[in-house]
Amino acid sequence: MARQTDEERKARQKKRQQQLRDRHRKERRPDRDDVARALLFWAITSYLDEGRADRIDQLSDAAVAVLGDQGFDRRASYDVFDGIVDRYARDDRPFRRKVHLRA
């Protein structure tokens, strides 16, 4: 049996991935990033409501440590995290609408 070329393998993988994304969209199944965003939103807004800036600082330090271990710039990571906190503090619906989920 002839070995498939890189292009053939990539084309088959692309088709499989698209089918999986289509199925998940039809099932209205959240992906890992959707769950992570929801959890971060819940944590930050809960801490803001409770006036627990210390807990937000702990969350920020933990997130930046993980990002730093992955090679991201720590100062830039703090800036991004602080921007998220600021956005969540002033907007109770900070996420883009998922039009395909509207029934």
PDB file of N, CA and C in Angstrom:
ATOM      1  N   MET A   1       0.840  -1.186   0.000  1.00  0.00           N
ATOM      2  CA  MET A   1       0.000   0.000   0.000  1.00  0.00           C
ATOM      3  C   MET A   1       0.883   1.246   0.000  1.00  0.00           C
ATOM      4  N   ALA A   2       0.556   2.167  -0.865  1.00  0.00           N
ATOM      5  CA  ALA A   2       1.337   3.390  -0.982  1.00  0.00           C
ATOM      6  C   ALA A   2       1.094   4.277   0.232  1.00  0.00           C
ATOM      7  N   ARG A   3       2.161   4.906   0.659  1.00  0.00           N
ATOM      8  CA  ARG A   3       2.072   5.814   1.798  1.00  0.00           C
ATOM      9  C   ARG A   3       1.410   7.122   1.360  1.00  0.00           C
ATOM     10  N   GLN A   4       0.503   7.645   2.211  1.00  0.00           N
ATOM     11  CA  GLN A   4      -0.179   8.881   1.845  1.00  0.00           C
ATOM     12  C   GLN A   4       0.773  10.066   1.967  1.00  0.00           C
ATOM     13  N   THR A   5       0.554  11.037   1.135  1.00  0.00           N
ATOM     14  CA  THR A   5       1.388  12.230   1.177  1.00  0.00           C
ATOM     15  C   THR A   5       0.965  13.104   2.355  1.00  0.00           C
ATOM     16  N   ASP A   6       1.811  14.040   2.681  1.00  0.00           N
ATOM     17  CA  ASP A   6       1.499  15.000   3.749  1.00  0.00           C
ATOM     18  C   ASP A   6       0.220  15.769   3.430  1.00  0.00           C
ATOM     19  N   GLU A   7       0.075  16.154   2.159  1.00  0.00           N
ATOM     20  CA  GLU A   7      -1.111  16.915   1.758  1.00  0.00           C
ATOM     21  C   GLU A   7      -2.381  16.093   1.937  1.00  0.00           C
ATOM     22  N   GLU A   8      -2.323  14.819   1.597  1.00  0.00           N
ATOM     23  CA  GLU A   8      -3.495  13.947   1.758  1.00  0.00           C
ATOM     24  C   GLU A   8      -3.852  13.787   3.234  1.00  0.00           C
ATOM     25  N   ARG A   9      -2.838  13.570   4.041  1.00  0.00           N
ATOM     26  CA  ARG A   9      -3.062  13.425   5.478  1.00  0.00           C
ATOM     27  C   ARG A   9      -3.652  14.695   6.070  1.00  0.00           C
ATOM     28  N   LYS A  10      -3.111  15.824   5.697  1.00  0.00           N
ATOM     29  CA  LYS A  10      -3.614  17.113   6.205  1.00  0.00           C
ATOM     30  C   LYS A  10      -5.044  17.383   5.732  1.00  0.00           C
ATOM     31  N   ALA A  11      -5.339  17.013   4.501  1.00  0.00           N
ATOM     32  CA  ALA A  11      -6.700  17.214   3.977  1.00  0.00           C
ATOM     33  C   ALA A  11      -7.698  16.347   4.742  1.00  0.00           C
ATOM     34  N   ARG A  12      -7.330  15.094   5.021  1.00  0.00           N
ATOM     35  CA  ARG A  12      -8.217  14.210   5.783  1.00  0.00           C
ATOM     36  C   ARG A  12      -8.402  14.730   7.206  1.00  0.00           C
ATOM     37  N   GLN A  13      -7.320  15.206   7.799  1.00  0.00           N
ATOM     38  CA  GLN A  13      -7.398  15.755   9.157  1.00  0.00           C
ATOM     39  C   GLN A  13      -8.274  17.004   9.183  1.00  0.00           C
ATOM     40  N   LYS A  14      -8.118  17.855   8.192  1.00  0.00           N
ATOM     41  CA  LYS A  14      -8.925  19.072   8.115  1.00  0.00           C
ATOM     42  C   LYS A  14     -10.412  18.731   8.006  1.00  0.00           C
ATOM     43  N   LYS A  15     -10.728  17.731   7.196  1.00  0.00           N
ATOM     44  CA  LYS A  15     -12.120  17.312   7.027  1.00  0.00           C
ATOM     45  C   LYS A  15     -12.681  16.749   8.336  1.00  0.00           C
ATOM     46  N   ARG A  16     -11.901  15.905   9.023  1.00  0.00           N
ATOM     47  CA  ARG A  16     -12.335  15.348  10.307  1.00  0.00           C
ATOM     48  C   ARG A  16     -12.570  16.438  11.339  1.00  0.00           C
ATOM     49  N   GLN A  17     -11.663  17.395  11.406  1.00  0.00           N
ATOM     50  CA  GLN A  17     -11.788  18.485  12.371  1.00  0.00           C
ATOM     51  C   GLN A  17     -13.023  19.333  12.080  1.00  0.00           C
ATOM     52  N   GLN A  18     -13.291  19.599  10.804  1.00  0.00           N
ATOM     53  CA  GLN A  18     -14.468  20.383  10.449  1.00  0.00           C
ATOM     54  C   GLN A  18     -15.740  19.634  10.807  1.00  0.00           C
ATOM     55  N   GLN A  19     -15.759  18.325  10.551  1.00  0.00           N
ATOM     56  CA  GLN A  19     -16.929  17.515  10.913  1.00  0.00           C
ATOM     57  C   GLN A  19     -17.149  17.539  12.428  1.00  0.00           C
ATOM     58  N   LEU A  20     -16.066  17.465  13.194  1.00  0.00           N
ATOM     59  CA  LEU A  20     -16.169  17.506  14.653  1.00  0.00           C
ATOM     60  C   LEU A  20     -16.699  18.861  15.125  1.00  0.00           C
ATOM     61  N   ARG A  21     -16.170  19.957  14.554  1.00  0.00           N
ATOM     62  CA  ARG A  21     -16.658  21.291  14.919  1.00  0.00           C
ATOM     63  C   ARG A  21     -18.133  21.451  14.562  1.00  0.00           C
ATOM     64  N   ASP A  22     -18.518  20.949  13.396  1.00  0.00           N
ATOM     65  CA  ASP A  22     -19.925  21.032  12.980  1.00  0.00           C
ATOM     66  C   ASP A  22     -20.820  20.244  13.935  1.00  0.00           C
ATOM     67  N   ARG A  23     -20.385  19.049  14.320  1.00  0.00           N
ATOM     68  CA  ARG A  23     -21.181  18.234  15.244  1.00  0.00           C
ATOM     69  C   ARG A  23     -21.315  18.916  16.600  1.00  0.00           C
ATOM     70  N   HIS A  24     -20.206  19.464  17.093  1.00  0.00           N
ATOM     71  CA  HIS A  24     -20.245  20.164  18.388  1.00  0.00           C
ATOM     72  C   HIS A  24     -21.151  21.387  18.316  1.00  0.00           C
ATOM     73  N   ARG A  25     -21.121  22.095  17.208  1.00  0.00           N
ATOM     74  CA  ARG A  25     -21.993  23.265  17.050  1.00  0.00           C
ATOM     75  C   ARG A  25     -23.454  22.825  17.065  1.00  0.00           C
ATOM     76  N   LYS A  26     -23.752  21.759  16.347  1.00  0.00           N
ATOM     77  CA  LYS A  26     -25.125  21.242  16.300  1.00  0.00           C
ATOM     78  C   LYS A  26     -25.574  20.781  17.693  1.00  0.00           C
ATOM     79  N   GLU A  27     -24.668  20.154  18.450  1.00  0.00           N
ATOM     80  CA  GLU A  27     -24.983  19.679  19.799  1.00  0.00           C
ATOM     81  C   GLU A  27     -24.962  20.800  20.839  1.00  0.00           C
ATOM     82  N   ARG A  28     -24.523  22.002  20.392  1.00  0.00           N
ATOM     83  CA  ARG A  28     -24.374  23.150  21.294  1.00  0.00           C
ATOM     84  C   ARG A  28     -23.418  22.808  22.432  1.00  0.00           C
ATOM     85  N   ARG A  29     -22.370  22.112  22.096  1.00  0.00           N
ATOM     86  CA  ARG A  29     -21.387  21.645  23.064  1.00  0.00           C
ATOM     87  C   ARG A  29     -20.279  22.692  23.223  1.00  0.00           C
ATOM     88  N   PRO A  30     -20.070  23.177  24.444  1.00  0.00           N
ATOM     89  CA  PRO A  30     -18.984  24.149  24.645  1.00  0.00           C
ATOM     90  C   PRO A  30     -17.623  23.472  24.512  1.00  0.00           C
ATOM     91  N   ASP A  31     -16.645  24.245  24.099  1.00  0.00           N
ATOM     92  CA  ASP A  31     -15.296  23.683  24.068  1.00  0.00           C
ATOM     93  C   ASP A  31     -14.548  24.105  25.327  1.00  0.00           C
ATOM     94  N   ARG A  32     -13.326  23.685  25.430  1.00  0.00           N
ATOM     95  CA  ARG A  32     -12.507  23.955  26.610  1.00  0.00           C
ATOM     96  C   ARG A  32     -12.387  25.448  26.883  1.00  0.00           C
ATOM     97  N   ASP A  33     -12.221  26.246  25.842  1.00  0.00           N
ATOM     98  CA  ASP A  33     -12.069  27.686  26.030  1.00  0.00           C
ATOM     99  C   ASP A  33     -13.359  28.330  26.531  1.00  0.00           C
ATOM    100  N   ASP A  34     -14.515  27.827  26.072  1.00  0.00           N
ATOM    101  CA  ASP A  34     -15.795  28.350  26.559  1.00  0.00           C
ATOM    102  C   ASP A  34     -15.937  28.106  28.061  1.00  0.00           C
ATOM    103  N   VAL A  35     -15.583  26.905  28.490  1.00  0.00           N
ATOM    104  CA  VAL A  35     -15.671  26.568  29.909  1.00  0.00           C
ATOM    105  C   VAL A  35     -14.679  27.407  30.718  1.00  0.00           C
ATOM    106  N   ALA A  36     -13.472  27.561  30.219  1.00  0.00           N
ATOM    107  CA  ALA A  36     -12.452  28.347  30.925  1.00  0.00           C
ATOM    108  C   ALA A  36     -12.883  29.810  31.057  1.00  0.00           C
ATOM    109  N   ARG A  37     -13.447  30.370  29.980  1.00  0.00           N
ATOM    110  CA  ARG A  37     -13.927  31.757  30.035  1.00  0.00           C
ATOM    111  C   ARG A  37     -15.038  31.918  31.060  1.00  0.00           C
ATOM    112  N   ALA A  38     -15.979  30.972  31.062  1.00  0.00           N
ATOM    113  CA  ALA A  38     -17.103  31.041  32.012  1.00  0.00           C
ATOM    114  C   ALA A  38     -16.599  30.948  33.449  1.00  0.00           C
ATOM    115  N   LEU A  39     -15.670  30.047  33.698  1.00  0.00           N
ATOM    116  CA  LEU A  39     -15.137  29.878  35.047  1.00  0.00           C
ATOM    117  C   LEU A  39     -14.365  31.120  35.495  1.00  0.00           C
ATOM    118  N   LEU A  40     -13.550  31.673  34.617  1.00  0.00           N
ATOM    119  CA  LEU A  40     -12.802  32.877  34.967  1.00  0.00           C
ATOM    120  C   LEU A  40     -13.753  34.043  35.229  1.00  0.00           C
ATOM    121  N   PHE A  41     -14.781  34.183  34.388  1.00  0.00           N
ATOM    122  CA  PHE A  41     -15.769  35.240  34.590  1.00  0.00           C
ATOM    123  C   PHE A  41     -16.443  35.072  35.951  1.00  0.00           C
ATOM    124  N   TRP A  42     -16.867  33.855  36.259  1.00  0.00           N
ATOM    125  CA  TRP A  42     -17.533  33.585  37.538  1.00  0.00           C
ATOM    126  C   TRP A  42     -16.609  33.915  38.704  1.00  0.00           C
ATOM    127  N   ALA A  43     -15.365  33.464  38.648  1.00  0.00           N
ATOM    128  CA  ALA A  43     -14.423  33.698  39.748  1.00  0.00           C
ATOM    129  C   ALA A  43     -14.184  35.192  39.947  1.00  0.00           C
ATOM    130  N   ILE A  44     -13.861  35.885  38.876  1.00  0.00           N
ATOM    131  CA  ILE A  44     -13.531  37.308  39.003  1.00  0.00           C
ATOM    132  C   ILE A  44     -14.736  38.107  39.474  1.00  0.00           C
ATOM    133  N   THR A  45     -15.904  37.902  38.871  1.00  0.00           N
ATOM    134  CA  THR A  45     -17.067  38.698  39.274  1.00  0.00           C
ATOM    135  C   THR A  45     -17.512  38.346  40.693  1.00  0.00           C
ATOM    136  N   SER A  46     -17.360  37.100  41.096  1.00  0.00           N
ATOM    137  CA  SER A  46     -17.687  36.727  42.478  1.00  0.00           C
ATOM    138  C   SER A  46     -16.769  37.454  43.452  1.00  0.00           C
ATOM    139  N   TYR A  47     -15.479  37.452  43.155  1.00  0.00           N
ATOM    140  CA  TYR A  47     -14.524  38.134  44.034  1.00  0.00           C
ATOM    141  C   TYR A  47     -14.761  39.642  44.053  1.00  0.00           C
ATOM    142  N   LEU A  48     -15.107  40.208  42.903  1.00  0.00           N
ATOM    143  CA  LEU A  48     -15.411  41.642  42.860  1.00  0.00           C
ATOM    144  C   LEU A  48     -16.642  41.951  43.720  1.00  0.00           C
ATOM    145  N   ASP A  49     -17.692  41.132  43.587  1.00  0.00           N
ATOM    146  CA  ASP A  49     -18.921  41.334  44.364  1.00  0.00           C
ATOM    147  C   ASP A  49     -18.664  41.226  45.863  1.00  0.00           C
ATOM    148  N   GLU A  50     -17.738  40.357  46.239  1.00  0.00           N
ATOM    149  CA  GLU A  50     -17.415  40.148  47.653  1.00  0.00           C
ATOM    150  C   GLU A  50     -16.375  41.156  48.166  1.00  0.00           C
ATOM    151  N   GLY A  51     -15.837  41.972  47.258  1.00  0.00           N
ATOM    152  CA  GLY A  51     -14.795  42.919  47.659  1.00  0.00           C
ATOM    153  C   GLY A  51     -13.490  42.231  48.023  1.00  0.00           C
ATOM    154  N   ARG A  52     -13.203  41.118  47.370  1.00  0.00           N
ATOM    155  CA  ARG A  52     -12.033  40.298  47.696  1.00  0.00           C
ATOM    156  C   ARG A  52     -10.915  40.506  46.679  1.00  0.00           C
ATOM    157  N   ALA A  53     -10.340  41.699  46.685  1.00  0.00           N
ATOM    158  CA  ALA A  53      -9.230  41.987  45.777  1.00  0.00           C
ATOM    159  C   ALA A  53      -8.057  41.042  46.029  1.00  0.00           C
ATOM    160  N   ASP A  54      -7.909  40.581  47.278  1.00  0.00           N
ATOM    161  CA  ASP A  54      -6.818  39.658  47.591  1.00  0.00           C
ATOM    162  C   ASP A  54      -6.961  38.343  46.828  1.00  0.00           C
ATOM    163  N   ARG A  55      -8.190  37.879  46.650  1.00  0.00           N
ATOM    164  CA  ARG A  55      -8.429  36.636  45.912  1.00  0.00           C
ATOM    165  C   ARG A  55      -8.162  36.843  44.414  1.00  0.00           C
ATOM    166  N   ILE A  56      -8.506  38.020  43.901  1.00  0.00           N
ATOM    167  CA  ILE A  56      -8.209  38.319  42.498  1.00  0.00           C
ATOM    168  C   ILE A  56      -6.703  38.353  42.295  1.00  0.00           C
ATOM    169  N   ASP A  57      -5.982  38.933  43.268  1.00  0.00           N
ATOM    170  CA  ASP A  57      -4.515  38.956  43.174  1.00  0.00           C
ATOM    171  C   ASP A  57      -3.936  37.542  43.181  1.00  0.00           C
ATOM    172  N   GLN A  58      -4.484  36.664  44.012  1.00  0.00           N
ATOM    173  CA  GLN A  58      -4.019  35.272  44.040  1.00  0.00           C
ATOM    174  C   GLN A  58      -4.293  34.576  42.712  1.00  0.00           C
ATOM    175  N   LEU A  59      -5.476  34.809  42.168  1.00  0.00           N
ATOM    176  CA  LEU A  59      -5.839  34.220  40.887  1.00  0.00           C
ATOM    177  C   LEU A  59      -4.918  34.739  39.786  1.00  0.00           C
ATOM    178  N   SER A  60      -4.663  36.019  39.816  1.00  0.00           N
ATOM    179  CA  SER A  60      -3.771  36.637  38.838  1.00  0.00           C
ATOM    180  C   SER A  60      -2.371  36.044  38.940  1.00  0.00           C
ATOM    181  N   ASP A  61      -1.840  35.951  40.153  1.00  0.00           N
ATOM    182  CA  ASP A  61      -0.498  35.393  40.344  1.00  0.00           C
ATOM    183  C   ASP A  61      -0.414  33.953  39.844  1.00  0.00           C
ATOM    184  N   ALA A  62      -1.464  33.158  40.123  1.00  0.00           N
ATOM    185  CA  ALA A  62      -1.470  31.763  39.681  1.00  0.00           C
ATOM    186  C   ALA A  62      -1.510  31.669  38.160  1.00  0.00           C
ATOM    187  N   ALA A  63      -2.379  32.467  37.541  1.00  0.00           N
ATOM    188  CA  ALA A  63      -2.490  32.444  36.076  1.00  0.00           C
ATOM    189  C   ALA A  63      -1.187  32.895  35.427  1.00  0.00           C
ATOM    190  N   VAL A  64      -0.591  33.956  35.953  1.00  0.00           N
ATOM    191  CA  VAL A  64       0.655  34.476  35.379  1.00  0.00           C
ATOM    192  C   VAL A  64       1.797  33.477  35.569  1.00  0.00           C
ATOM    193  N   ALA A  65       1.810  32.764  36.681  1.00  0.00           N
ATOM    194  CA  ALA A  65       2.850  31.746  36.891  1.00  0.00           C
ATOM    195  C   ALA A  65       2.758  30.658  35.822  1.00  0.00           C
ATOM    196  N   VAL A  66       1.541  30.204  35.555  1.00  0.00           N
ATOM    197  CA  VAL A  66       1.349  29.167  34.526  1.00  0.00           C
ATOM    198  C   VAL A  66       1.736  29.704  33.147  1.00  0.00           C
ATOM    199  N   LEU A  67       1.289  30.912  32.842  1.00  0.00           N
ATOM    200  CA  LEU A  67       1.620  31.513  31.547  1.00  0.00           C
ATOM    201  C   LEU A  67       3.120  31.741  31.413  1.00  0.00           C
ATOM    202  N   GLY A  68       3.755  32.194  32.502  1.00  0.00           N
ATOM    203  CA  GLY A  68       5.196  32.396  32.480  1.00  0.00           C
ATOM    204  C   GLY A  68       5.948  31.095  32.241  1.00  0.00           C
ATOM    205  N   ASP A  69       5.471  30.018  32.854  1.00  0.00           N
ATOM    206  CA  ASP A  69       6.093  28.708  32.637  1.00  0.00           C
ATOM    207  C   ASP A  69       5.964  28.249  31.187  1.00  0.00           C
ATOM    208  N   GLN A  70       4.941  28.743  30.504  1.00  0.00           N
ATOM    209  CA  GLN A  70       4.752  28.401  29.094  1.00  0.00           C
ATOM    210  C   GLN A  70       5.583  29.289  28.170  1.00  0.00           C
ATOM    211  N   GLY A  71       6.239  30.291  28.748  1.00  0.00           N
ATOM    212  CA  GLY A  71       7.110  31.157  27.951  1.00  0.00           C
ATOM    213  C   GLY A  71       6.559  32.544  27.685  1.00  0.00           C
ATOM    214  N   PHE A  72       5.350  32.840  28.183  1.00  0.00           N
ATOM    215  CA  PHE A  72       4.795  34.175  27.994  1.00  0.00           C
ATOM    216  C   PHE A  72       5.480  35.170  28.919  1.00  0.00           C
ATOM    217  N   ASP A  73       5.534  36.417  28.477  1.00  0.00           N
ATOM    218  CA  ASP A  73       6.101  37.492  29.275  1.00  0.00           C
ATOM    219  C   ASP A  73       5.199  37.746  30.491  1.00  0.00           C
ATOM    220  N   ARG A  74       5.782  37.729  31.681  1.00  0.00           N
ATOM    221  CA  ARG A  74       4.987  37.862  32.904  1.00  0.00           C
ATOM    222  C   ARG A  74       4.349  39.249  33.021  1.00  0.00           C
ATOM    223  N   ARG A  75       5.073  40.286  32.695  1.00  0.00           N
ATOM    224  CA  ARG A  75       4.495  41.633  32.788  1.00  0.00           C
ATOM    225  C   ARG A  75       3.319  41.780  31.824  1.00  0.00           C
ATOM    226  N   ALA A  76       3.511  41.291  30.611  1.00  0.00           N
ATOM    227  CA  ALA A  76       2.429  41.345  29.626  1.00  0.00           C
ATOM    228  C   ALA A  76       1.244  40.495  30.099  1.00  0.00           C
ATOM    229  N   SER A  77       1.518  39.376  30.735  1.00  0.00           N
ATOM    230  CA  SER A  77       0.444  38.512  31.242  1.00  0.00           C
ATOM    231  C   SER A  77      -0.356  39.219  32.323  1.00  0.00           C
ATOM    232  N   TYR A  78       0.338  39.926  33.229  1.00  0.00           N
ATOM    233  CA  TYR A  78      -0.375  40.709  34.247  1.00  0.00           C
ATOM    234  C   TYR A  78      -1.227  41.794  33.595  1.00  0.00           C
ATOM    235  N   ASP A  79      -0.678  42.439  32.568  1.00  0.00           N
ATOM    236  CA  ASP A  79      -1.437  43.487  31.876  1.00  0.00           C
ATOM    237  C   ASP A  79      -2.716  42.927  31.264  1.00  0.00           C
ATOM    238  N   VAL A  80      -2.616  41.768  30.621  1.00  0.00           N
ATOM    239  CA  VAL A  80      -3.794  41.145  30.006  1.00  0.00           C
ATOM    240  C   VAL A  80      -4.801  40.754  31.083  1.00  0.00           C
ATOM    241  N   PHE A  81      -4.330  40.141  32.167  1.00  0.00           N
ATOM    242  CA  PHE A  81      -5.224  39.722  33.241  1.00  0.00           C
ATOM    243  C   PHE A  81      -5.932  40.940  33.840  1.00  0.00           C
ATOM    244  N   ASP A  82      -5.171  42.006  34.096  1.00  0.00           N
ATOM    245  CA  ASP A  82      -5.772  43.225  34.649  1.00  0.00           C
ATOM    246  C   ASP A  82      -6.823  43.805  33.697  1.00  0.00           C
ATOM    247  N   GLY A  83      -6.568  43.715  32.400  1.00  0.00           N
ATOM    248  CA  GLY A  83      -7.539  44.174  31.419  1.00  0.00           C
ATOM    249  C   GLY A  83      -8.826  43.359  31.466  1.00  0.00           C
ATOM    250  N   ILE A  84      -8.686  42.060  31.675  1.00  0.00           N
ATOM    251  CA  ILE A  84      -9.863  41.196  31.804  1.00  0.00           C
ATOM    252  C   ILE A  84     -10.657  41.580  33.047  1.00  0.00           C
ATOM    253  N   VAL A  85      -9.973  41.772  34.164  1.00  0.00           N
ATOM    254  CA  VAL A  85     -10.652  42.160  35.404  1.00  0.00           C
ATOM    255  C   VAL A  85     -11.384  43.481  35.209  1.00  0.00           C
ATOM    256  N   ASP A  86     -10.725  44.449  34.583  1.00  0.00           N
ATOM    257  CA  ASP A  86     -11.367  45.749  34.328  1.00  0.00           C
ATOM    258  C   ASP A  86     -12.617  45.585  33.466  1.00  0.00           C
ATOM    259  N   ARG A  87     -12.512  44.771  32.442  1.00  0.00           N
ATOM    260  CA  ARG A  87     -13.663  44.568  31.552  1.00  0.00           C
ATOM    261  C   ARG A  87     -14.810  43.879  32.286  1.00  0.00           C
ATOM    262  N   TYR A  88     -14.508  42.860  33.062  1.00  0.00           N
ATOM    263  CA  TYR A  88     -15.547  42.152  33.814  1.00  0.00           C
ATOM    264  C   TYR A  88     -16.173  43.054  34.866  1.00  0.00           C
ATOM    265  N   ALA A  89     -15.394  43.977  35.412  1.00  0.00           N
ATOM    266  CA  ALA A  89     -15.906  44.872  36.446  1.00  0.00           C
ATOM    267  C   ALA A  89     -16.930  45.862  35.879  1.00  0.00           C
ATOM    268  N   ARG A  90     -16.780  46.232  34.613  1.00  0.00           N
ATOM    269  CA  ARG A  90     -17.689  47.236  34.063  1.00  0.00           C
ATOM    270  C   ARG A  90     -18.729  46.674  33.102  1.00  0.00           C
ATOM    271  N   ASP A  91     -18.653  45.387  32.775  1.00  0.00           N
ATOM    272  CA  ASP A  91     -19.572  44.816  31.792  1.00  0.00           C
ATOM    273  C   ASP A  91     -20.061  43.461  32.277  1.00  0.00           C
ATOM    274  N   ASP A  92     -21.368  43.335  32.481  1.00  0.00           N
ATOM    275  CA  ASP A  92     -21.892  42.065  32.976  1.00  0.00           C
ATOM    276  C   ASP A  92     -22.089  41.037  31.866  1.00  0.00           C
ATOM    277  N   ARG A  93     -21.835  41.422  30.631  1.00  0.00           N
ATOM    278  CA  ARG A  93     -21.918  40.497  29.488  1.00  0.00           C
ATOM    279  C   ARG A  93     -20.718  40.738  28.571  1.00  0.00           C
ATOM    280  N   PRO A  94     -19.532  40.359  29.034  1.00  0.00           N
ATOM    281  CA  PRO A  94     -18.324  40.704  28.282  1.00  0.00           C
ATOM    282  C   PRO A  94     -18.016  39.788  27.099  1.00  0.00           C
ATOM    283  N   PHE A  95     -18.853  38.783  26.855  1.00  0.00           N
ATOM    284  CA  PHE A  95     -18.552  37.844  25.787  1.00  0.00           C
ATOM    285  C   PHE A  95     -19.313  38.188  24.517  1.00  0.00           C
ATOM    286  N   ARG A  96     -18.725  37.843  23.382  1.00  0.00           N
ATOM    287  CA  ARG A  96     -19.421  38.011  22.115  1.00  0.00           C
ATOM    288  C   ARG A  96     -20.577  37.037  22.047  1.00  0.00           C
ATOM    289  N   ARG A  97     -21.652  37.469  21.421  1.00  0.00           N
ATOM    290  CA  ARG A  97     -22.810  36.579  21.250  1.00  0.00           C
ATOM    291  C   ARG A  97     -22.414  35.393  20.370  1.00  0.00           C
ATOM    292  N   LYS A  98     -22.928  34.247  20.710  1.00  0.00           N
ATOM    293  CA  LYS A  98     -22.738  33.046  19.906  1.00  0.00           C
ATOM    294  C   LYS A  98     -24.027  32.856  19.111  1.00  0.00           C
ATOM    295  N   VAL A  99     -24.088  33.480  17.959  1.00  0.00           N
ATOM    296  CA  VAL A  99     -25.303  33.512  17.170  1.00  0.00           C
ATOM    297  C   VAL A  99     -25.793  32.104  16.844  1.00  0.00           C
ATOM    298  N   HIS A 100     -24.890  31.184  16.619  1.00  0.00           N
ATOM    299  CA  HIS A 100     -25.302  29.828  16.270  1.00  0.00           C
ATOM    300  C   HIS A 100     -25.964  29.092  17.426  1.00  0.00           C
ATOM    301  N   LEU A 101     -25.891  29.640  18.654  1.00  0.00           N
ATOM    302  CA  LEU A 101     -26.528  29.005  19.800  1.00  0.00           C
ATOM    303  C   LEU A 101     -27.928  29.531  20.041  1.00  0.00           C
ATOM    304  N   ARG A 102     -28.281  30.611  19.392  1.00  0.00           N
ATOM    305  CA  ARG A 102     -29.615  31.186  19.577  1.00  0.00           C
ATOM    306  C   ARG A 102     -30.656  30.275  18.931  1.00  0.00           C
ATOM    307  N   ALA A 103     -31.671  29.938  19.703  1.00  0.00           N
ATOM    308  CA  ALA A 103     -32.703  29.044  19.152  1.00  0.00           C
ATOM    309  C   ALA A 103     -33.882  29.831  18.639  1.00  0.00           C
TER     310      ALA A 103
END
